[in-house]
Amino acid sequence: MNAFPSADPLLQVHNVTRYYGDRIGCADVSFDLWPGEVLAIVGESGSGKTTLLNCLSTRLAPTAGAIEYRMRDGTMRNLYQLTEAERRLLMRTDWGFVHQNAADGLRMNVSAGANVGERLMAVGERHYGNIRSTADDWLGRVEIDSDRIDDDPRSFSGGMRQRLQIARNLVTRPRLVFMDEPTGGLDVSVQARLLDLLRRLVADLGLSVVIVTHDLAVARLLSHRIMVMRHGNVIESGLTDQVLDDPREPYTQLLVSSILQV
């Protein structure tokens, strides 16, 4: 059911399938994503969730199926019929991608301010004072002190690196953000702070998000809707609270009960 009835879908996924030789990465996945909606894709390692995320974000071409995205002019375009230049422009402007390992999404040998400022320069900002001021503002938004603006990320803790990566992604006001296990590998207290920050920023900016996680607590806290994957297939989907409070599929019941026993 669409919880965002006033809007047209931002992303439409039609029967997306990806094979690795004879092995299924993901199979026959279809859904719509609405402006301002957060969708969590959950499952164990090897369930196909990261393969699906990579197909959605054009990092991995599907074997079959289509993915359509609503451009800023309102037209729906098949992502895999865009030119390489058009896709790169989307990635720099309309989209963000938050990696599990922040080092994959940052330039580790340049300053925190430059990491954020580079995204602004990619969309045409050239005034150094404006770039630095905006970077400073975004560091503040992700709870990094201004006096760290000239430090490079190698001197940052894991949680700070992840918050910097989030600032780098959001500074261009994207409409759609992909997140791959954004809290993976962080201490519990650091995770809690990051999740609180993400929830606030997603709401403030009205972002659409597709987040991959094996942590159902992350899905419950951040997402409106959830898809459960197993062996490359979506086996259950629906509103997050409904699925987690009353799972239909035995596999989903097992996932939920394993969380409750922790």
C-alpha atoms as a PDB file:
ATOM      1  CA  MET A   1       0.000   0.000   0.000  1.00  0.00           C
ATOM      2  CA  ASN A   2       1.273   3.489  -0.838  1.00  0.00           C
ATOM      3  CA  ALA A   3       1.725   5.580   2.292  1.00  0.00           C
ATOM      4  CA  PHE A   4       2.553   8.636   0.133  1.00  0.00           C
ATOM      5  CA  PRO A   5      -0.591   9.025  -2.015  1.00  0.00           C
ATOM      6  CA  SER A   6       0.004  12.630  -3.119  1.00  0.00           C
ATOM      7  CA  ALA A   7       3.126  11.860  -5.128  1.00  0.00           C
ATOM      8  CA  ASP A   8       4.119   9.864  -8.181  1.00  0.00           C
ATOM      9  CA  PRO A   9       6.697   7.106  -7.647  1.00  0.00           C
ATOM     10  CA  LEU A  10      10.314   8.247  -7.696  1.00  0.00           C
ATOM     11  CA  LEU A  11      11.647   4.807  -8.596  1.00  0.00           C
ATOM     12  CA  GLN A  12       9.841   1.904 -10.283  1.00  0.00           C
ATOM     13  CA  VAL A  13      11.464  -1.525 -10.330  1.00  0.00           C
ATOM     14  CA  HIS A  14      10.081  -4.112 -12.754  1.00  0.00           C
ATOM     15  CA  ASN A  15      11.025  -7.819 -12.464  1.00  0.00           C
ATOM     16  CA  VAL A  16      14.723  -7.154 -11.866  1.00  0.00           C
ATOM     17  CA  THR A  17      16.839 -10.309 -12.062  1.00  0.00           C
ATOM     18  CA  ARG A  18      20.583 -10.755 -11.854  1.00  0.00           C
ATOM     19  CA  TYR A  19      22.438 -14.018 -12.485  1.00  0.00           C
ATOM     20  CA  TYR A  20      26.085 -14.815 -11.794  1.00  0.00           C
ATOM     21  CA  GLY A  21      26.525 -17.621 -14.298  1.00  0.00           C
ATOM     22  CA  ASP A  22      23.966 -20.200 -13.152  1.00  0.00           C
ATOM     23  CA  ARG A  23      23.647 -18.714  -9.664  1.00  0.00           C
ATOM     24  CA  ILE A  24      20.828 -16.314  -8.827  1.00  0.00           C
ATOM     25  CA  GLY A  25      21.876 -12.976  -7.316  1.00  0.00           C
ATOM     26  CA  CYS A  26      18.324 -11.652  -7.165  1.00  0.00           C
ATOM     27  CA  ALA A  27      15.209 -12.794  -8.978  1.00  0.00           C
ATOM     28  CA  ASP A  28      12.069 -11.096 -10.300  1.00  0.00           C
ATOM     29  CA  VAL A  29      12.063  -8.142  -7.860  1.00  0.00           C
ATOM     30  CA  SER A  30       9.403  -5.461  -8.384  1.00  0.00           C
ATOM     31  CA  PHE A  31       8.404  -2.462  -6.261  1.00  0.00           C
ATOM     32  CA  ASP A  32       7.729   1.283  -6.328  1.00  0.00           C
ATOM     33  CA  LEU A  33       9.568   3.787  -4.126  1.00  0.00           C
ATOM     34  CA  TRP A  34       7.838   7.058  -3.300  1.00  0.00           C
ATOM     35  CA  PRO A  35       9.289  10.501  -2.545  1.00  0.00           C
ATOM     36  CA  GLY A  36      10.153  10.699   1.151  1.00  0.00           C
ATOM     37  CA  GLU A  37       9.871   6.941   1.676  1.00  0.00           C
ATOM     38  CA  VAL A  38      12.526   4.775   3.341  1.00  0.00           C
ATOM     39  CA  LEU A  39      12.636   1.149   2.176  1.00  0.00           C
ATOM     40  CA  ALA A  40      14.737  -1.396   4.078  1.00  0.00           C
ATOM     41  CA  ILE A  41      15.965  -4.550   2.332  1.00  0.00           C
ATOM     42  CA  VAL A  42      16.852  -7.149   4.943  1.00  0.00           C
ATOM     43  CA  GLY A  43      18.220 -10.672   4.989  1.00  0.00           C
ATOM     44  CA  GLU A  44      21.240 -12.711   5.921  1.00  0.00           C
ATOM     45  CA  SER A  45      24.546 -12.621   4.044  1.00  0.00           C
ATOM     46  CA  GLY A  46      24.060 -14.104   0.585  1.00  0.00           C
ATOM     47  CA  SER A  47      20.342 -13.276   0.459  1.00  0.00           C
ATOM     48  CA  GLY A  48      20.760 -11.037  -2.595  1.00  0.00           C
ATOM     49  CA  LYS A  49      20.150  -7.698  -0.929  1.00  0.00           C
ATOM     50  CA  THR A  50      23.463  -6.096  -1.915  1.00  0.00           C
ATOM     51  CA  THR A  51      23.173  -7.436  -5.476  1.00  0.00           C
ATOM     52  CA  LEU A  52      19.755  -5.783  -5.709  1.00  0.00           C
ATOM     53  CA  LEU A  53      21.090  -2.512  -4.272  1.00  0.00           C
ATOM     54  CA  ASN A  54      23.905  -2.486  -6.818  1.00  0.00           C
ATOM     55  CA  CYS A  55      21.418  -3.060  -9.652  1.00  0.00           C
ATOM     56  CA  LEU A  56      19.209  -0.218  -8.402  1.00  0.00           C
ATOM     57  CA  SER A  57      22.152   2.188  -8.159  1.00  0.00           C
ATOM     58  CA  THR A  58      23.463   1.248 -11.650  1.00  0.00           C
ATOM     59  CA  ARG A  59      26.656  -0.267 -10.237  1.00  0.00           C
ATOM     60  CA  LEU A  60      25.663  -3.672 -11.611  1.00  0.00           C
ATOM     61  CA  ALA A  61      23.557  -4.222 -14.722  1.00  0.00           C
ATOM     62  CA  PRO A  62      20.620  -6.613 -14.224  1.00  0.00           C
ATOM     63  CA  THR A  63      20.326  -9.694 -16.425  1.00  0.00           C
ATOM     64  CA  ALA A  64      16.633  -8.937 -16.977  1.00  0.00           C
ATOM     65  CA  GLY A  65      14.012  -6.421 -15.924  1.00  0.00           C
ATOM     66  CA  ALA A  66      13.837  -2.624 -15.915  1.00  0.00           C
ATOM     67  CA  ILE A  67      14.420   0.192 -13.407  1.00  0.00           C
ATOM     68  CA  GLU A  68      12.786   3.555 -14.057  1.00  0.00           C
ATOM     69  CA  TYR A  69      13.577   6.827 -12.275  1.00  0.00           C
ATOM     70  CA  ARG A  70      11.579  10.053 -12.262  1.00  0.00           C
ATOM     71  CA  MET A  71      13.877  12.839 -13.419  1.00  0.00           C
ATOM     72  CA  ARG A  72      13.539  16.384 -12.096  1.00  0.00           C
ATOM     73  CA  ASP A  73      11.497  17.343 -15.184  1.00  0.00           C
ATOM     74  CA  GLY A  74       8.920  14.690 -14.219  1.00  0.00           C
ATOM     75  CA  THR A  75       9.709  12.183 -16.965  1.00  0.00           C
ATOM     76  CA  MET A  76      10.334   8.509 -16.129  1.00  0.00           C
ATOM     77  CA  ARG A  77      13.570   7.207 -17.625  1.00  0.00           C
ATOM     78  CA  ASN A  78      14.914   3.672 -17.799  1.00  0.00           C
ATOM     79  CA  LEU A  79      18.204   3.897 -15.893  1.00  0.00           C
ATOM     80  CA  TYR A  80      19.929   1.446 -18.194  1.00  0.00           C
ATOM     81  CA  GLN A  81      18.961   3.444 -21.280  1.00  0.00           C
ATOM     82  CA  LEU A  82      20.629   6.605 -19.961  1.00  0.00           C
ATOM     83  CA  THR A  83      23.994   7.574 -21.369  1.00  0.00           C
ATOM     84  CA  GLU A  84      27.029   7.099 -19.147  1.00  0.00           C
ATOM     85  CA  ALA A  85      27.255  10.890 -18.777  1.00  0.00           C
ATOM     86  CA  GLU A  86      23.595  11.091 -17.670  1.00  0.00           C
ATOM     87  CA  ARG A  87      24.138   8.353 -15.080  1.00  0.00           C
ATOM     88  CA  ARG A  88      27.259  10.050 -13.730  1.00  0.00           C
ATOM     89  CA  LEU A  89      25.320  13.315 -13.408  1.00  0.00           C
ATOM     90  CA  LEU A  90      22.597  11.535 -11.416  1.00  0.00           C
ATOM     91  CA  MET A  91      25.201  10.062  -9.077  1.00  0.00           C
ATOM     92  CA  ARG A  92      26.764  13.491  -8.492  1.00  0.00           C
ATOM     93  CA  THR A  93      23.521  15.402  -7.984  1.00  0.00           C
ATOM     94  CA  ASP A  94      20.274  13.493  -7.446  1.00  0.00           C
ATOM     95  CA  TRP A  95      21.689  10.422  -5.716  1.00  0.00           C
ATOM     96  CA  GLY A  96      23.893   9.569  -2.781  1.00  0.00           C
ATOM     97  CA  PHE A  97      25.526   6.263  -1.847  1.00  0.00           C
ATOM     98  CA  VAL A  98      26.595   5.553   1.740  1.00  0.00           C
ATOM     99  CA  HIS A  99      29.031   2.640   1.954  1.00  0.00           C
ATOM    100  CA  GLN A 100      29.439   0.298   4.907  1.00  0.00           C
ATOM    101  CA  ASN A 101      33.151   1.092   4.939  1.00  0.00           C
ATOM    102  CA  ALA A 102      33.352   4.890   4.990  1.00  0.00           C
ATOM    103  CA  ALA A 103      36.809   4.761   3.363  1.00  0.00           C
ATOM    104  CA  ASP A 104      35.085   3.495   0.169  1.00  0.00           C
ATOM    105  CA  GLY A 105      32.987   6.669   0.023  1.00  0.00           C
ATOM    106  CA  LEU A 106      35.582   9.237   1.116  1.00  0.00           C
ATOM    107  CA  ARG A 107      38.887  10.525  -0.195  1.00  0.00           C
ATOM    108  CA  MET A 108      41.053   9.685   2.771  1.00  0.00           C
ATOM    109  CA  ASN A 109      44.000  11.892   1.817  1.00  0.00           C
ATOM    110  CA  VAL A 110      42.135  15.215   1.599  1.00  0.00           C
ATOM    111  CA  SER A 111      40.530  17.246   4.386  1.00  0.00           C
ATOM    112  CA  ALA A 112      37.043  16.789   5.764  1.00  0.00           C
ATOM    113  CA  GLY A 113      36.031  20.124   4.270  1.00  0.00           C
ATOM    114  CA  ALA A 114      37.374  19.143   0.862  1.00  0.00           C
ATOM    115  CA  ASN A 115      35.486  15.838   0.975  1.00  0.00           C
ATOM    116  CA  VAL A 116      32.231  17.740   1.353  1.00  0.00           C
ATOM    117  CA  GLY A 117      33.246  20.581  -0.965  1.00  0.00           C
ATOM    118  CA  GLU A 118      34.112  18.270  -3.865  1.00  0.00           C
ATOM    119  CA  ARG A 119      30.451  17.338  -4.281  1.00  0.00           C
ATOM    120  CA  LEU A 120      29.552  21.035  -4.478  1.00  0.00           C
ATOM    121  CA  MET A 121      32.231  21.652  -7.090  1.00  0.00           C
ATOM    122  CA  ALA A 122      30.854  18.728  -9.106  1.00  0.00           C
ATOM    123  CA  VAL A 123      27.543  20.599  -9.418  1.00  0.00           C
ATOM    124  CA  GLY A 124      29.199  23.856 -10.476  1.00  0.00           C
ATOM    125  CA  GLU A 125      29.965  25.743  -7.241  1.00  0.00           C
ATOM    126  CA  ARG A 126      33.241  27.639  -7.661  1.00  0.00           C
ATOM    127  CA  HIS A 127      33.317  30.272  -4.901  1.00  0.00           C
ATOM    128  CA  TYR A 128      35.822  29.026  -2.309  1.00  0.00           C
ATOM    129  CA  GLY A 129      34.257  30.974   0.551  1.00  0.00           C
ATOM    130  CA  ASN A 130      30.788  29.597  -0.190  1.00  0.00           C
ATOM    131  CA  ILE A 131      32.114  26.045  -0.525  1.00  0.00           C
ATOM    132  CA  ARG A 132      33.978  26.222   2.785  1.00  0.00           C
ATOM    133  CA  SER A 133      31.017  27.834   4.563  1.00  0.00           C
ATOM    134  CA  THR A 134      28.599  25.171   3.284  1.00  0.00           C
ATOM    135  CA  ALA A 135      31.032  22.387   4.198  1.00  0.00           C
ATOM    136  CA  ASP A 136      31.368  23.842   7.691  1.00  0.00           C
ATOM    137  CA  ASP A 137      27.583  23.995   8.019  1.00  0.00           C
ATOM    138  CA  TRP A 138      27.254  20.346   6.973  1.00  0.00           C
ATOM    139  CA  LEU A 139      29.974  19.210   9.355  1.00  0.00           C
ATOM    140  CA  GLY A 140      27.910  20.829  12.088  1.00  0.00           C
ATOM    141  CA  ARG A 141      24.789  19.036  10.905  1.00  0.00           C
ATOM    142  CA  VAL A 142      26.526  15.678  11.270  1.00  0.00           C
ATOM    143  CA  GLU A 143      27.987  16.625  14.654  1.00  0.00           C
ATOM    144  CA  ILE A 144      31.621  17.145  13.624  1.00  0.00           C
ATOM    145  CA  ASP A 145      33.301  20.150  15.242  1.00  0.00           C
ATOM    146  CA  SER A 146      34.292  23.044  12.980  1.00  0.00           C
ATOM    147  CA  ASP A 147      37.896  22.832  14.126  1.00  0.00           C
ATOM    148  CA  ARG A 148      38.178  19.456  12.333  1.00  0.00           C
ATOM    149  CA  ILE A 149      37.378  20.914   8.888  1.00  0.00           C
ATOM    150  CA  ASP A 150      41.038  20.851   7.789  1.00  0.00           C
ATOM    151  CA  ASP A 151      41.804  17.404   9.247  1.00  0.00           C
ATOM    152  CA  ASP A 152      41.799  14.427   6.912  1.00  0.00           C
ATOM    153  CA  PRO A 153      39.527  11.436   7.610  1.00  0.00           C
ATOM    154  CA  ARG A 154      42.442   9.172   8.494  1.00  0.00           C
ATOM    155  CA  SER A 155      42.509  10.914  11.881  1.00  0.00           C
ATOM    156  CA  PHE A 156      38.768  10.334  12.461  1.00  0.00           C
ATOM    157  CA  SER A 157      37.100   7.536  14.408  1.00  0.00           C
ATOM    158  CA  GLY A 158      34.871   5.062  12.545  1.00  0.00           C
ATOM    159  CA  GLY A 159      31.717   6.880  13.609  1.00  0.00           C
ATOM    160  CA  MET A 160      33.088  10.270  12.559  1.00  0.00           C
ATOM    161  CA  ARG A 161      34.122   8.899   9.168  1.00  0.00           C
ATOM    162  CA  GLN A 162      30.624   7.568   8.615  1.00  0.00           C
ATOM    163  CA  ARG A 163      29.079  10.913   9.594  1.00  0.00           C
ATOM    164  CA  LEU A 164      31.478  12.693   7.213  1.00  0.00           C
ATOM    165  CA  GLN A 165      30.479  10.331   4.415  1.00  0.00           C
ATOM    166  CA  ILE A 166      26.834  11.202   5.093  1.00  0.00           C
ATOM    167  CA  ALA A 167      27.607  14.938   4.895  1.00  0.00           C
ATOM    168  CA  ARG A 168      29.490  14.409   1.621  1.00  0.00           C
ATOM    169  CA  ASN A 169      26.453  12.636   0.164  1.00  0.00           C
ATOM    170  CA  LEU A 170      23.755  15.014   1.386  1.00  0.00           C
ATOM    171  CA  VAL A 171      25.384  18.382   0.674  1.00  0.00           C
ATOM    172  CA  THR A 172      23.993  18.421  -2.885  1.00  0.00           C
ATOM    173  CA  ARG A 173      20.446  17.773  -1.591  1.00  0.00           C
ATOM    174  CA  PRO A 174      19.926  14.465  -3.413  1.00  0.00           C
ATOM    175  CA  ARG A 175      16.433  13.047  -3.800  1.00  0.00           C
ATOM    176  CA  LEU A 176      17.459   9.391  -3.455  1.00  0.00           C
ATOM    177  CA  VAL A 177      20.111   7.855  -1.203  1.00  0.00           C
ATOM    178  CA  PHE A 178      21.307   4.249  -1.252  1.00  0.00           C
ATOM    179  CA  MET A 179      22.805   2.903   1.982  1.00  0.00           C
ATOM    180  CA  ASP A 180      24.715  -0.366   2.291  1.00  0.00           C
ATOM    181  CA  GLU A 181      24.900  -1.490   5.955  1.00  0.00           C
ATOM    182  CA  PRO A 182      25.664   2.065   7.163  1.00  0.00           C
ATOM    183  CA  THR A 183      25.998   0.980  10.815  1.00  0.00           C
ATOM    184  CA  GLY A 184      27.984  -2.195  10.136  1.00  0.00           C
ATOM    185  CA  GLY A 185      31.157  -2.575  12.159  1.00  0.00           C
ATOM    186  CA  LEU A 186      30.397   0.305  14.545  1.00  0.00           C
ATOM    187  CA  ASP A 187      30.113   0.003  18.321  1.00  0.00           C
ATOM    188  CA  VAL A 188      26.560  -0.115  19.683  1.00  0.00           C
ATOM    189  CA  SER A 189      26.695   3.380  21.221  1.00  0.00           C
ATOM    190  CA  VAL A 190      28.158   4.789  17.991  1.00  0.00           C
ATOM    191  CA  GLN A 191      25.438   3.025  15.981  1.00  0.00           C
ATOM    192  CA  ALA A 192      22.708   4.585  18.131  1.00  0.00           C
ATOM    193  CA  ARG A 193      24.073   8.091  17.584  1.00  0.00           C
ATOM    194  CA  LEU A 194      24.414   7.524  13.835  1.00  0.00           C
ATOM    195  CA  LEU A 195      20.881   6.133  13.527  1.00  0.00           C
ATOM    196  CA  ASP A 196      19.423   9.083  15.415  1.00  0.00           C
ATOM    197  CA  LEU A 197      21.290  11.437  13.080  1.00  0.00           C
ATOM    198  CA  LEU A 198      20.157   9.564   9.959  1.00  0.00           C
ATOM    199  CA  ARG A 199      16.530   9.504  11.049  1.00  0.00           C
ATOM    200  CA  ARG A 200      16.585  13.262  11.682  1.00  0.00           C
ATOM    201  CA  LEU A 201      18.300  14.136   8.381  1.00  0.00           C
ATOM    202  CA  VAL A 202      16.033  11.865   6.311  1.00  0.00           C
ATOM    203  CA  ALA A 203      12.958  13.533   7.813  1.00  0.00           C
ATOM    204  CA  ASP A 204      14.331  17.097   7.555  1.00  0.00           C
ATOM    205  CA  LEU A 205      15.375  16.720   3.910  1.00  0.00           C
ATOM    206  CA  GLY A 206      12.437  14.550   2.771  1.00  0.00           C
ATOM    207  CA  LEU A 207      14.818  11.965   1.336  1.00  0.00           C
ATOM    208  CA  SER A 208      13.877   8.734  -0.353  1.00  0.00           C
ATOM    209  CA  VAL A 209      16.182   5.977   0.876  1.00  0.00           C
ATOM    210  CA  VAL A 210      16.890   2.365  -0.009  1.00  0.00           C
ATOM    211  CA  ILE A 211      18.834   0.848   2.878  1.00  0.00           C
ATOM    212  CA  VAL A 212      20.338  -2.635   2.970  1.00  0.00           C
ATOM    213  CA  THR A 213      20.840  -4.091   6.442  1.00  0.00           C
ATOM    214  CA  HIS A 214      20.946  -7.408   8.251  1.00  0.00           C
ATOM    215  CA  ASP A 215      19.940  -5.583  11.465  1.00  0.00           C
ATOM    216  CA  LEU A 216      16.172  -5.551  11.944  1.00  0.00           C
ATOM    217  CA  ALA A 217      16.500  -2.906  14.676  1.00  0.00           C
ATOM    218  CA  VAL A 218      17.994  -0.544  12.069  1.00  0.00           C
ATOM    219  CA  ALA A 219      15.138  -1.347   9.687  1.00  0.00           C
ATOM    220  CA  ARG A 220      12.516  -0.713  12.380  1.00  0.00           C
ATOM    221  CA  LEU A 221      14.031   2.604  13.396  1.00  0.00           C
ATOM    222  CA  LEU A 222      14.588   4.071   9.930  1.00  0.00           C
ATOM    223  CA  SER A 223      12.198   2.520   7.409  1.00  0.00           C
ATOM    224  CA  HIS A 224       8.559   2.887   6.474  1.00  0.00           C
ATOM    225  CA  ARG A 225       8.519  -0.326   4.455  1.00  0.00           C
ATOM    226  CA  ILE A 226      10.562  -3.513   4.466  1.00  0.00           C
ATOM    227  CA  MET A 227      11.432  -6.292   2.007  1.00  0.00           C
ATOM    228  CA  VAL A 228      12.795  -9.582   3.334  1.00  0.00           C
ATOM    229  CA  MET A 229      15.100 -11.470   0.957  1.00  0.00           C
ATOM    230  CA  ARG A 230      16.263 -15.072   0.974  1.00  0.00           C
ATOM    231  CA  HIS A 231      18.228 -16.917  -1.725  1.00  0.00           C
ATOM    232  CA  GLY A 232      17.760 -13.972  -4.104  1.00  0.00           C
ATOM    233  CA  ASN A 233      13.979 -13.796  -3.741  1.00  0.00           C
ATOM    234  CA  VAL A 234      11.743 -11.327  -1.929  1.00  0.00           C
ATOM    235  CA  ILE A 235       9.757 -13.610   0.370  1.00  0.00           C
ATOM    236  CA  GLU A 236       7.830 -10.991   2.349  1.00  0.00           C
ATOM    237  CA  SER A 237       7.235  -7.259   2.155  1.00  0.00           C
ATOM    238  CA  GLY A 238       5.005  -4.628   3.702  1.00  0.00           C
ATOM    239  CA  LEU A 239       4.907  -1.830   6.233  1.00  0.00           C
ATOM    240  CA  THR A 240       7.865  -2.263   8.575  1.00  0.00           C
ATOM    241  CA  ASP A 241       5.960  -2.452  11.853  1.00  0.00           C
ATOM    242  CA  GLN A 242       3.404  -4.879  10.416  1.00  0.00           C
ATOM    243  CA  VAL A 243       6.035  -7.242   9.023  1.00  0.00           C
ATOM    244  CA  LEU A 244       8.204  -7.212  12.144  1.00  0.00           C
ATOM    245  CA  ASP A 245       5.320  -7.419  14.626  1.00  0.00           C
ATOM    246  CA  ASP A 246       3.375 -10.084  12.741  1.00  0.00           C
ATOM    247  CA  PRO A 247       5.637 -11.863  10.221  1.00  0.00           C
ATOM    248  CA  ARG A 248       3.876 -14.378   7.951  1.00  0.00           C
ATOM    249  CA  GLU A 249       6.815 -16.287   6.526  1.00  0.00           C
ATOM    250  CA  PRO A 250       8.650 -18.829   8.730  1.00  0.00           C
ATOM    251  CA  TYR A 251      12.013 -17.368   7.667  1.00  0.00           C
ATOM    252  CA  THR A 252      10.946 -13.849   8.695  1.00  0.00           C
ATOM    253  CA  GLN A 253       9.630 -15.256  11.981  1.00  0.00           C
ATOM    254  CA  LEU A 254      13.048 -16.821  12.544  1.00  0.00           C
ATOM    255  CA  LEU A 255      14.831 -13.524  11.827  1.00  0.00           C
ATOM    256  CA  VAL A 256      12.557 -11.644  14.223  1.00  0.00           C
ATOM    257  CA  SER A 257      12.852 -14.251  16.991  1.00  0.00           C
ATOM    258  CA  SER A 258      16.647 -14.249  16.717  1.00  0.00           C
ATOM    259  CA  ILE A 259      16.621 -10.494  17.326  1.00  0.00           C
ATOM    260  CA  LEU A 260      14.301 -10.860  20.303  1.00  0.00           C
ATOM    261  CA  GLN A 261      16.593 -13.396  21.922  1.00  0.00           C
ATOM    262  CA  VAL A 262      19.632 -11.103  21.914  1.00  0.00           C
END
